[in-house]
């Protein structure tokens, strides 16, 4: 199982995920980041929305849900 698969599994299971893990996953999925203060906004051409994540050691539950929804909508789950 690759590192990305392990991160995705943690997200699906609702376990704690660090900002750096999600950042590396989103970069792998071709998202670009724009930093606005402490919030980092990830967007991608062809994806209507965006993901705003505050850089911290562990993501909040609502941020994990946003990433999980993104993975579902992009067909990665």
PDB file of N, CA and C in Angstrom:
ATOM      1  N   UNK A   1       0.849  -1.175   0.000  1.00  0.00           N
ATOM      2  CA  UNK A   1       0.000   0.000   0.000  1.00  0.00           C
ATOM      3  C   UNK A   1       0.896   1.240   0.000  1.00  0.00           C
ATOM      4  N   UNK A   2       0.620   2.129  -0.939  1.00  0.00           N
ATOM      5  CA  UNK A   2       1.444   3.340  -1.046  1.00  0.00           C
ATOM      6  C   UNK A   2       1.114   4.324   0.075  1.00  0.00           C
ATOM      7  N   UNK A   3       1.961   5.316   0.242  1.00  0.00           N
ATOM      8  CA  UNK A   3       1.746   6.339   1.261  1.00  0.00           C
ATOM      9  C   UNK A   3       0.442   7.092   1.003  1.00  0.00           C
ATOM     10  N   UNK A   4       0.157   7.385  -0.281  1.00  0.00           N
ATOM     11  CA  UNK A   4      -1.089   8.079  -0.625  1.00  0.00           C
ATOM     12  C   UNK A   4      -2.299   7.239  -0.261  1.00  0.00           C
ATOM     13  N   UNK A   5      -2.221   5.942  -0.519  1.00  0.00           N
ATOM     14  CA  UNK A   5      -3.323   5.054  -0.157  1.00  0.00           C
ATOM     15  C   UNK A   5      -3.548   5.030   1.351  1.00  0.00           C
ATOM     16  N   UNK A   6      -2.470   5.096   2.113  1.00  0.00           N
ATOM     17  CA  UNK A   6      -2.590   5.114   3.574  1.00  0.00           C
ATOM     18  C   UNK A   6      -3.261   6.399   4.052  1.00  0.00           C
ATOM     19  N   UNK A   7      -2.910   7.519   3.415  1.00  0.00           N
ATOM     20  CA  UNK A   7      -3.530   8.798   3.773  1.00  0.00           C
ATOM     21  C   UNK A   7      -5.020   8.771   3.442  1.00  0.00           C
ATOM     22  N   UNK A   8      -5.356   8.269   2.265  1.00  0.00           N
ATOM     23  CA  UNK A   8      -6.759   8.178   1.861  1.00  0.00           C
ATOM     24  C   UNK A   8      -7.530   7.284   2.822  1.00  0.00           C
ATOM     25  N   UNK A   9      -6.944   6.185   3.223  1.00  0.00           N
ATOM     26  CA  UNK A   9      -7.595   5.276   4.172  1.00  0.00           C
ATOM     27  C   UNK A   9      -7.858   5.983   5.504  1.00  0.00           C
ATOM     28  N   UNK A  10      -6.892   6.758   5.981  1.00  0.00           N
ATOM     29  CA  UNK A  10      -7.074   7.507   7.221  1.00  0.00           C
ATOM     30  C   UNK A  10      -8.217   8.512   7.087  1.00  0.00           C
ATOM     31  N   UNK A  11      -8.314   9.157   5.941  1.00  0.00           N
ATOM     32  CA  UNK A  11      -9.384  10.135   5.710  1.00  0.00           C
ATOM     33  C   UNK A  11     -10.739   9.440   5.700  1.00  0.00           C
ATOM     34  N   UNK A  12     -10.838   8.311   5.009  1.00  0.00           N
ATOM     35  CA  UNK A  12     -12.088   7.554   4.947  1.00  0.00           C
ATOM     36  C   UNK A  12     -12.532   7.110   6.334  1.00  0.00           C
ATOM     37  N   UNK A  13     -11.575   6.671   7.139  1.00  0.00           N
ATOM     38  CA  UNK A  13     -11.885   6.171   8.479  1.00  0.00           C
ATOM     39  C   UNK A  13     -12.124   7.288   9.484  1.00  0.00           C
ATOM     40  N   UNK A  14     -11.873   8.540   9.092  1.00  0.00           N
ATOM     41  CA  UNK A  14     -12.082   9.669   9.979  1.00  0.00           C
ATOM     42  C   UNK A  14     -11.005   9.820  11.037  1.00  0.00           C
ATOM     43  N   UNK A  15      -9.839   9.236  10.789  1.00  0.00           N
ATOM     44  CA  UNK A  15      -8.726   9.351  11.736  1.00  0.00           C
ATOM     45  C   UNK A  15      -8.004  10.676  11.530  1.00  0.00           C
ATOM     46  N   UNK A  16      -7.185  11.046  12.495  1.00  0.00           N
ATOM     47  CA  UNK A  16      -6.416  12.286  12.421  1.00  0.00           C
ATOM     48  C   UNK A  16      -5.440  12.257  11.254  1.00  0.00           C
ATOM     49  N   UNK A  17      -5.407  13.369  10.538  1.00  0.00           N
ATOM     50  CA  UNK A  17      -4.514  13.525   9.394  1.00  0.00           C
ATOM     51  C   UNK A  17      -3.823  14.874   9.538  1.00  0.00           C
ATOM     52  N   UNK A  18      -2.548  14.924   9.262  1.00  0.00           N
ATOM     53  CA  UNK A  18      -1.812  16.178   9.379  1.00  0.00           C
ATOM     54  C   UNK A  18      -1.978  17.025   8.116  1.00  0.00           C
ATOM     55  N   UNK A  19      -1.700  18.302   8.272  1.00  0.00           N
ATOM     56  CA  UNK A  19      -1.750  19.217   7.136  1.00  0.00           C
ATOM     57  C   UNK A  19      -0.796  18.761   6.038  1.00  0.00           C
ATOM     58  N   UNK A  20       0.401  18.374   6.413  1.00  0.00           N
ATOM     59  CA  UNK A  20       1.402  17.989   5.408  1.00  0.00           C
ATOM     60  C   UNK A  20       0.970  16.751   4.621  1.00  0.00           C
ATOM     61  N   UNK A  21       0.267  15.825   5.269  1.00  0.00           N
ATOM     62  CA  UNK A  21      -0.224  14.636   4.556  1.00  0.00           C
ATOM     63  C   UNK A  21      -1.267  15.036   3.510  1.00  0.00           C
ATOM     64  N   UNK A  22      -2.203  15.895   3.914  1.00  0.00           N
ATOM     65  CA  UNK A  22      -3.247  16.328   2.983  1.00  0.00           C
ATOM     66  C   UNK A  22      -2.653  17.192   1.871  1.00  0.00           C
ATOM     67  N   UNK A  23      -1.716  18.041   2.225  1.00  0.00           N
ATOM     68  CA  UNK A  23      -1.067  18.884   1.227  1.00  0.00           C
ATOM     69  C   UNK A  23      -0.388  18.020   0.160  1.00  0.00           C
ATOM     70  N   UNK A  24       0.350  17.003   0.571  1.00  0.00           N
ATOM     71  CA  UNK A  24       1.034  16.141  -0.405  1.00  0.00           C
ATOM     72  C   UNK A  24       0.024  15.393  -1.269  1.00  0.00           C
ATOM     73  N   UNK A  25      -1.100  14.971  -0.683  1.00  0.00           N
ATOM     74  CA  UNK A  25      -2.143  14.285  -1.448  1.00  0.00           C
ATOM     75  C   UNK A  25      -2.766  15.223  -2.475  1.00  0.00           C
ATOM     76  N   UNK A  26      -3.074  16.448  -2.070  1.00  0.00           N
ATOM     77  CA  UNK A  26      -3.680  17.405  -2.993  1.00  0.00           C
ATOM     78  C   UNK A  26      -2.710  17.800  -4.107  1.00  0.00           C
ATOM     79  N   UNK A  27      -1.439  17.949  -3.789  1.00  0.00           N
ATOM     80  CA  UNK A  27      -0.453  18.234  -4.834  1.00  0.00           C
ATOM     81  C   UNK A  27      -0.378  17.079  -5.824  1.00  0.00           C
ATOM     82  N   UNK A  28      -0.454  15.853  -5.323  1.00  0.00           N
ATOM     83  CA  UNK A  28      -0.450  14.674  -6.200  1.00  0.00           C
ATOM     84  C   UNK A  28      -1.656  14.703  -7.145  1.00  0.00           C
ATOM     85  N   UNK A  29      -2.785  15.233  -6.657  1.00  0.00           N
ATOM     86  CA  UNK A  29      -4.004  15.317  -7.460  1.00  0.00           C
ATOM     87  C   UNK A  29      -4.046  16.574  -8.325  1.00  0.00           C
ATOM     88  N   UNK A  30      -2.912  17.249  -8.469  1.00  0.00           N
ATOM     89  CA  UNK A  30      -2.735  18.434  -9.326  1.00  0.00           C
ATOM     90  C   UNK A  30      -3.440  19.689  -8.827  1.00  0.00           C
ATOM     91  N   UNK A  31      -3.640  19.810  -7.529  1.00  0.00           N
ATOM     92  CA  UNK A  31      -4.185  21.042  -6.967  1.00  0.00           C
ATOM     93  C   UNK A  31      -3.048  22.033  -6.773  1.00  0.00           C
ATOM     94  N   UNK A  32      -3.384  23.305  -6.906  1.00  0.00           N
ATOM     95  CA  UNK A  32      -2.444  24.398  -6.663  1.00  0.00           C
ATOM     96  C   UNK A  32      -2.855  25.076  -5.367  1.00  0.00           C
ATOM     97  N   UNK A  33      -1.913  25.705  -4.695  1.00  0.00           N
ATOM     98  CA  UNK A  33      -2.209  26.340  -3.416  1.00  0.00           C
ATOM     99  C   UNK A  33      -1.912  27.832  -3.480  1.00  0.00           C
ATOM    100  N   UNK A  34      -2.771  28.606  -2.826  1.00  0.00           N
ATOM    101  CA  UNK A  34      -2.547  30.034  -2.614  1.00  0.00           C
ATOM    102  C   UNK A  34      -2.675  30.266  -1.124  1.00  0.00           C
ATOM    103  N   UNK A  35      -1.663  30.862  -0.527  1.00  0.00           N
ATOM    104  CA  UNK A  35      -1.688  31.137   0.909  1.00  0.00           C
ATOM    105  C   UNK A  35      -2.311  32.500   1.151  1.00  0.00           C
ATOM    106  N   UNK A  36      -3.293  32.516   2.038  1.00  0.00           N
ATOM    107  CA  UNK A  36      -3.938  33.758   2.456  1.00  0.00           C
ATOM    108  C   UNK A  36      -3.833  33.806   3.973  1.00  0.00           C
ATOM    109  N   UNK A  37      -2.782  34.389   4.449  1.00  0.00           N
ATOM    110  CA  UNK A  37      -2.542  34.382   5.892  1.00  0.00           C
ATOM    111  C   UNK A  37      -2.213  32.966   6.335  1.00  0.00           C
ATOM    112  N   UNK A  38      -2.911  32.493   7.360  1.00  0.00           N
ATOM    113  CA  UNK A  38      -2.655  31.138   7.841  1.00  0.00           C
ATOM    114  C   UNK A  38      -3.483  30.100   7.090  1.00  0.00           C
ATOM    115  N   UNK A  39      -4.417  30.564   6.241  1.00  0.00           N
ATOM    116  CA  UNK A  39      -5.236  29.636   5.474  1.00  0.00           C
ATOM    117  C   UNK A  39      -4.600  29.397   4.100  1.00  0.00           C
ATOM    118  N   UNK A  40      -4.623  28.159   3.710  1.00  0.00           N
ATOM    119  CA  UNK A  40      -4.109  27.780   2.408  1.00  0.00           C
ATOM    120  C   UNK A  40      -5.293  27.280   1.591  1.00  0.00           C
ATOM    121  N   UNK A  41      -5.479  27.881   0.426  1.00  0.00           N
ATOM    122  CA  UNK A  41      -6.621  27.571  -0.424  1.00  0.00           C
ATOM    123  C   UNK A  41      -6.123  26.758  -1.618  1.00  0.00           C
ATOM    124  N   UNK A  42      -6.662  25.546  -1.749  1.00  0.00           N
ATOM    125  CA  UNK A  42      -6.278  24.637  -2.829  1.00  0.00           C
ATOM    126  C   UNK A  42      -7.362  24.661  -3.889  1.00  0.00           C
ATOM    127  N   UNK A  43      -6.956  24.798  -5.152  1.00  0.00           N
ATOM    128  CA  UNK A  43      -7.900  24.796  -6.264  1.00  0.00           C
ATOM    129  C   UNK A  43      -7.279  24.043  -7.433  1.00  0.00           C
ATOM    130  N   UNK A  44      -8.154  23.683  -8.363  1.00  0.00           N
ATOM    131  CA  UNK A  44      -7.707  22.892  -9.510  1.00  0.00           C
ATOM    132  C   UNK A  44      -8.564  23.267 -10.711  1.00  0.00           C
ATOM    133  N   UNK A  45      -7.942  23.361 -11.859  1.00  0.00           N
ATOM    134  CA  UNK A  45      -8.683  23.608 -13.086  1.00  0.00           C
ATOM    135  C   UNK A  45      -9.619  22.422 -13.300  1.00  0.00           C
ATOM    136  N   UNK A  46     -10.879  22.719 -13.548  1.00  0.00           N
ATOM    137  CA  UNK A  46     -11.858  21.665 -13.769  1.00  0.00           C
ATOM    138  C   UNK A  46     -12.608  21.250 -12.506  1.00  0.00           C
ATOM    139  N   UNK A  47     -12.188  21.758 -11.354  1.00  0.00           N
ATOM    140  CA  UNK A  47     -12.891  21.494 -10.100  1.00  0.00           C
ATOM    141  C   UNK A  47     -13.560  22.788  -9.677  1.00  0.00           C
ATOM    142  N   UNK A  48     -14.879  22.764  -9.530  1.00  0.00           N
ATOM    143  CA  UNK A  48     -15.642  23.983  -9.296  1.00  0.00           C
ATOM    144  C   UNK A  48     -15.318  24.676  -7.976  1.00  0.00           C
ATOM    145  N   UNK A  49     -15.117  23.902  -6.936  1.00  0.00           N
ATOM    146  CA  UNK A  49     -14.912  24.489  -5.621  1.00  0.00           C
ATOM    147  C   UNK A  49     -13.448  24.685  -5.286  1.00  0.00           C
ATOM    148  N   UNK A  50     -13.215  24.863  -4.005  1.00  0.00           N
ATOM    149  CA  UNK A  50     -11.855  24.958  -3.496  1.00  0.00           C
ATOM    150  C   UNK A  50     -11.844  24.386  -2.082  1.00  0.00           C
ATOM    151  N   UNK A  51     -10.670  24.083  -1.602  1.00  0.00           N
ATOM    152  CA  UNK A  51     -10.488  23.550  -0.259  1.00  0.00           C
ATOM    153  C   UNK A  51      -9.641  24.554   0.511  1.00  0.00           C
ATOM    154  N   UNK A  52     -10.171  25.072   1.608  1.00  0.00           N
ATOM    155  CA  UNK A  52      -9.440  26.015   2.450  1.00  0.00           C
ATOM    156  C   UNK A  52      -9.057  25.314   3.746  1.00  0.00           C
ATOM    157  N   UNK A  53      -7.756  25.223   3.992  1.00  0.00           N
ATOM    158  CA  UNK A  53      -7.255  24.507   5.156  1.00  0.00           C
ATOM    159  C   UNK A  53      -6.288  25.409   5.912  1.00  0.00           C
ATOM    160  N   UNK A  54      -6.538  25.546   7.195  1.00  0.00           N
ATOM    161  CA  UNK A  54      -5.619  26.302   8.036  1.00  0.00           C
ATOM    162  C   UNK A  54      -4.440  25.402   8.375  1.00  0.00           C
ATOM    163  N   UNK A  55      -3.254  25.934   8.172  1.00  0.00           N
ATOM    164  CA  UNK A  55      -2.053  25.132   8.397  1.00  0.00           C
ATOM    165  C   UNK A  55      -1.865  24.924   9.904  1.00  0.00           C
ATOM    166  N   UNK A  56      -1.998  23.680  10.322  1.00  0.00           N
ATOM    167  CA  UNK A  56      -1.831  23.274  11.717  1.00  0.00           C
ATOM    168  C   UNK A  56      -1.384  21.818  11.729  1.00  0.00           C
ATOM    169  N   UNK A  57      -1.040  21.316  12.899  1.00  0.00           N
ATOM    170  CA  UNK A  57      -0.516  19.951  12.954  1.00  0.00           C
ATOM    171  C   UNK A  57      -1.568  18.917  12.548  1.00  0.00           C
ATOM    172  N   UNK A  58      -2.800  19.039  13.036  1.00  0.00           N
ATOM    173  CA  UNK A  58      -3.868  18.098  12.693  1.00  0.00           C
ATOM    174  C   UNK A  58      -5.059  18.868  12.136  1.00  0.00           C
ATOM    175  N   UNK A  59      -5.685  18.332  11.100  1.00  0.00           N
ATOM    176  CA  UNK A  59      -6.845  18.986  10.515  1.00  0.00           C
ATOM    177  C   UNK A  59      -8.068  18.817  11.408  1.00  0.00           C
ATOM    178  N   UNK A  60      -8.959  19.779  11.335  1.00  0.00           N
ATOM    179  CA  UNK A  60     -10.229  19.716  12.045  1.00  0.00           C
ATOM    180  C   UNK A  60     -11.157  18.758  11.301  1.00  0.00           C
ATOM    181  N   UNK A  61     -12.185  18.284  12.010  1.00  0.00           N
ATOM    182  CA  UNK A  61     -13.115  17.313  11.435  1.00  0.00           C
ATOM    183  C   UNK A  61     -13.787  17.843  10.167  1.00  0.00           C
ATOM    184  N   UNK A  62     -14.225  19.115  10.181  1.00  0.00           N
ATOM    185  CA  UNK A  62     -14.906  19.653   9.004  1.00  0.00           C
ATOM    186  C   UNK A  62     -13.960  19.737   7.805  1.00  0.00           C
ATOM    187  N   UNK A  63     -12.661  19.959   8.066  1.00  0.00           N
ATOM    188  CA  UNK A  63     -11.693  20.010   6.972  1.00  0.00           C
ATOM    189  C   UNK A  63     -11.493  18.619   6.380  1.00  0.00           C
ATOM    190  N   UNK A  64     -11.462  17.602   7.246  1.00  0.00           N
ATOM    191  CA  UNK A  64     -11.360  16.226   6.758  1.00  0.00           C
ATOM    192  C   UNK A  64     -12.566  15.866   5.898  1.00  0.00           C
ATOM    193  N   UNK A  65     -13.752  16.324   6.304  1.00  0.00           N
ATOM    194  CA  UNK A  65     -14.961  16.048   5.525  1.00  0.00           C
ATOM    195  C   UNK A  65     -14.889  16.708   4.144  1.00  0.00           C
ATOM    196  N   UNK A  66     -14.341  17.928   4.076  1.00  0.00           N
ATOM    197  CA  UNK A  66     -14.182  18.597   2.782  1.00  0.00           C
ATOM    198  C   UNK A  66     -13.263  17.788   1.871  1.00  0.00           C
ATOM    199  N   UNK A  67     -12.164  17.302   2.429  1.00  0.00           N
ATOM    200  CA  UNK A  67     -11.215  16.519   1.630  1.00  0.00           C
ATOM    201  C   UNK A  67     -11.849  15.195   1.211  1.00  0.00           C
ATOM    202  N   UNK A  68     -12.588  14.577   2.112  1.00  0.00           N
ATOM    203  CA  UNK A  68     -13.274  13.310   1.794  1.00  0.00           C
ATOM    204  C   UNK A  68     -14.283  13.520   0.673  1.00  0.00           C
ATOM    205  N   UNK A  69     -15.073  14.597   0.746  1.00  0.00           N
ATOM    206  CA  UNK A  69     -16.028  14.910  -0.320  1.00  0.00           C
ATOM    207  C   UNK A  69     -15.318  15.147  -1.645  1.00  0.00           C
ATOM    208  N   UNK A  70     -14.200  15.836  -1.591  1.00  0.00           N
ATOM    209  CA  UNK A  70     -13.411  16.073  -2.798  1.00  0.00           C
ATOM    210  C   UNK A  70     -12.978  14.745  -3.424  1.00  0.00           C
ATOM    211  N   UNK A  71     -12.467  13.837  -2.601  1.00  0.00           N
ATOM    212  CA  UNK A  71     -12.015  12.545  -3.103  1.00  0.00           C
ATOM    213  C   UNK A  71     -13.167  11.761  -3.715  1.00  0.00           C
ATOM    214  N   UNK A  72     -14.338  11.829  -3.092  1.00  0.00           N
ATOM    215  CA  UNK A  72     -15.525  11.152  -3.653  1.00  0.00           C
ATOM    216  C   UNK A  72     -15.930  11.757  -4.984  1.00  0.00           C
ATOM    217  N   UNK A  73     -15.970  13.092  -5.044  1.00  0.00           N
ATOM    218  CA  UNK A  73     -16.390  13.782  -6.280  1.00  0.00           C
ATOM    219  C   UNK A  73     -15.395  13.598  -7.424  1.00  0.00           C
ATOM    220  N   UNK A  74     -14.119  13.439  -7.105  1.00  0.00           N
ATOM    221  CA  UNK A  74     -13.088  13.280  -8.124  1.00  0.00           C
ATOM    222  C   UNK A  74     -12.880  11.815  -8.506  1.00  0.00           C
ATOM    223  N   UNK A  75     -13.617  10.906  -7.849  1.00  0.00           N
ATOM    224  CA  UNK A  75     -13.520   9.486  -8.193  1.00  0.00           C
ATOM    225  C   UNK A  75     -12.299   8.784  -7.645  1.00  0.00           C
ATOM    226  N   UNK A  76     -11.754   9.260  -6.537  1.00  0.00           N
ATOM    227  CA  UNK A  76     -10.562   8.646  -5.970  1.00  0.00           C
ATOM    228  C   UNK A  76     -10.877   7.678  -4.823  1.00  0.00           C
ATOM    229  N   UNK A  77     -12.161   7.486  -4.533  1.00  0.00           N
ATOM    230  CA  UNK A  77     -12.543   6.523  -3.492  1.00  0.00           C
ATOM    231  C   UNK A  77     -13.340   5.405  -4.096  1.00  0.00           C
TER     232      UNK A  77
END
